C-alpha atoms as a PDB file:
ATOM      1  CA  MET A   1      17.230  26.002 -45.801  1.00  0.00           C
ATOM      2  CA  GLY A   2      14.864  28.964 -46.022  1.00  0.00           C
ATOM      3  CA  PHE A   3      17.379  31.158 -47.845  1.00  0.00           C
ATOM      4  CA  TRP A   4      18.064  28.490 -50.463  1.00  0.00           C
ATOM      5  CA  MET A   5      14.341  28.061 -51.107  1.00  0.00           C
ATOM      6  CA  PHE A   6      14.099  31.840 -51.566  1.00  0.00           C
ATOM      7  CA  ALA A   7      17.217  31.879 -53.788  1.00  0.00           C
ATOM      8  CA  GLN A   8      15.883  29.136 -56.030  1.00  0.00           C
ATOM      9  CA  PHE A   9      12.579  30.993 -56.313  1.00  0.00           C
ATOM     10  CA  LEU A  10      14.452  34.157 -57.380  1.00  0.00           C
ATOM     11  CA  LEU A  11      16.468  32.220 -59.925  1.00  0.00           C
ATOM     12  CA  MET A  12      13.291  30.883 -61.540  1.00  0.00           C
ATOM     13  CA  LEU A  13      11.902  34.358 -62.231  1.00  0.00           C
ATOM     14  CA  PRO A  14      12.857  35.737 -65.649  1.00  0.00           C
ATOM     15  CA  LEU A  15      14.851  38.998 -65.674  1.00  0.00           C
ATOM     16  CA  ILE A  16      14.737  39.197 -61.877  1.00  0.00           C
ATOM     17  CA  ASN A  17      17.340  36.441 -61.766  1.00  0.00           C
ATOM     18  CA  LEU A  18      19.688  38.576 -63.901  1.00  0.00           C
ATOM     19  CA  VAL A  19      19.566  41.243 -61.199  1.00  0.00           C
ATOM     20  CA  ALA A  20      19.550  38.869 -58.230  1.00  0.00           C
ATOM     21  CA  ILE A  21      22.656  36.901 -59.218  1.00  0.00           C
ATOM     22  CA  PRO A  22      25.113  39.847 -59.205  1.00  0.00           C
ATOM     23  CA  VAL A  23      23.530  41.315 -56.079  1.00  0.00           C
ATOM     24  CA  LEU A  24      23.789  38.054 -54.171  1.00  0.00           C
ATOM     25  CA  ALA A  25      27.327  37.500 -55.528  1.00  0.00           C
ATOM     26  CA  PHE A  26      28.713  40.682 -53.992  1.00  0.00           C
ATOM     27  CA  VAL A  27      26.405  41.621 -51.093  1.00  0.00           C
ATOM     28  CA  GLY A  28      26.107  39.815 -47.796  1.00  0.00           C
ATOM     29  CA  GLY A  29      28.284  38.329 -45.133  1.00  0.00           C
ATOM     30  CA  ASN A  30      27.995  34.605 -45.837  1.00  0.00           C
ATOM     31  CA  ARG A  31      31.104  33.637 -47.815  1.00  0.00           C
ATOM     32  CA  SER A  32      29.784  30.337 -49.182  1.00  0.00           C
ATOM     33  CA  ARG A  33      26.641  32.026 -50.546  1.00  0.00           C
ATOM     34  CA  LYS A  34      28.722  34.727 -52.216  1.00  0.00           C
ATOM     35  CA  ASN A  35      31.038  32.113 -53.745  1.00  0.00           C
ATOM     36  CA  PHE A  36      28.080  30.103 -55.035  1.00  0.00           C
ATOM     37  CA  PHE A  37      26.541  33.119 -56.747  1.00  0.00           C
ATOM     38  CA  ARG A  38      29.925  34.253 -58.075  1.00  0.00           C
ATOM     39  CA  ALA A  39      30.374  30.831 -59.674  1.00  0.00           C
ATOM     40  CA  LEU A  40      26.843  31.057 -61.058  1.00  0.00           C
ATOM     41  CA  LEU A  41      27.646  34.491 -62.460  1.00  0.00           C
ATOM     42  CA  MET A  42      30.799  33.134 -64.113  1.00  0.00           C
ATOM     43  CA  TRP A  43      28.779  30.323 -65.734  1.00  0.00           C
ATOM     44  CA  LEU A  44      26.227  32.858 -66.950  1.00  0.00           C
ATOM     45  CA  VAL A  45      28.931  35.019 -68.529  1.00  0.00           C
ATOM     46  CA  LEU A  46      30.573  31.985 -70.167  1.00  0.00           C
ATOM     47  CA  ILE A  47      27.257  30.835 -71.623  1.00  0.00           C
ATOM     48  CA  VAL A  48      26.456  34.292 -73.010  1.00  0.00           C
ATOM     49  CA  VAL A  49      29.922  34.574 -74.595  1.00  0.00           C
ATOM     50  CA  PHE A  50      29.562  31.081 -76.090  1.00  0.00           C
ATOM     51  CA  HIS A  51      26.189  31.999 -77.605  1.00  0.00           C
ATOM     52  CA  ILE A  52      27.518  35.252 -79.064  1.00  0.00           C
ATOM     53  CA  VAL A  53      30.524  33.497 -80.636  1.00  0.00           C
ATOM     54  CA  THR A  54      28.300  30.730 -82.002  1.00  0.00           C
ATOM     55  CA  LEU A  55      25.866  33.212 -83.536  1.00  0.00           C
ATOM     56  CA  PHE A  56      28.739  35.186 -85.029  1.00  0.00           C
ATOM     57  CA  VAL A  57      30.255  32.072 -86.606  1.00  0.00           C
ATOM     58  CA  VAL A  58      26.928  30.819 -87.944  1.00  0.00           C
ATOM     59  CA  PHE A  59      25.695  34.104 -89.363  1.00  0.00           C
ATOM     60  CA  THR A  60      28.987  35.144 -90.922  1.00  0.00           C
ATOM     61  CA  SER A  61      29.584  31.868 -92.720  1.00  0.00           C
ATOM     62  CA  PRO A  62      29.065  32.173 -96.483  1.00  0.00           C
ATOM     63  CA  THR A  63      26.674  29.229 -96.725  1.00  0.00           C
ATOM     64  CA  VAL A  64      24.265  30.611 -94.140  1.00  0.00           C
ATOM     65  CA  PHE A  65      24.511  34.064 -95.696  1.00  0.00           C
ATOM     66  CA  GLN A  66      23.750  32.593 -99.114  1.00  0.00           C
ATOM     67  CA  TRP A  67      20.787  30.674 -97.691  1.00  0.00           C
ATOM     68  CA  PHE A  68      19.302  33.886 -96.236  1.00  0.00           C
ATOM     69  CA  LYS A  69      19.899  35.641 -99.545  1.00  0.00           C
ATOM     70  CA  ASP A  70      18.152  32.842-101.461  1.00  0.00           C
ATOM     71  CA  VAL A  71      15.180  32.887 -99.089  1.00  0.00           C
ATOM     72  CA  TRP A  72      14.929  36.675 -99.387  1.00  0.00           C
ATOM     73  CA  VAL A  73      14.964  36.483-103.203  1.00  0.00           C
ATOM     74  CA  MET A  74      12.331  33.740-103.151  1.00  0.00           C
ATOM     75  CA  LEU A  75      10.083  35.832-100.885  1.00  0.00           C
ATOM     76  CA  ILE A  76      10.433  38.850-103.170  1.00  0.00           C
ATOM     77  CA  GLU A  77       9.514  36.704-106.166  1.00  0.00           C
ATOM     78  CA  LEU A  78       6.443  35.341-104.385  1.00  0.00           C
ATOM     79  CA  VAL A  79       5.257  38.831-103.519  1.00  0.00           C
ATOM     80  CA  SER A  80       5.814  40.064-107.078  1.00  0.00           C
ATOM     81  CA  LEU A  81       3.853  37.093-108.498  1.00  0.00           C
ATOM     82  CA  LYS A  82       0.803  38.031-106.423  1.00  0.00           C
ATOM     83  CA  LYS A  83       0.641  41.502-107.960  1.00  0.00           C
END
């Protein structure tokens, strides 16, 4: 139980968890621990890929691009009105 308490503590720490997961997935002799962290690593990779694809789809769609363009033009007009 002590290792799992330590592992959960490591997984709560930002950035340290990104280093701890691959290390614990490939180092050590306990097969079930390695499999758990390998599965966790696979979930992490899937989530990152999903976010990248989602951002690509959202920011390359014409409507979102047009919205950013309109906001940019509006901001430029506001700044020029203040002068």
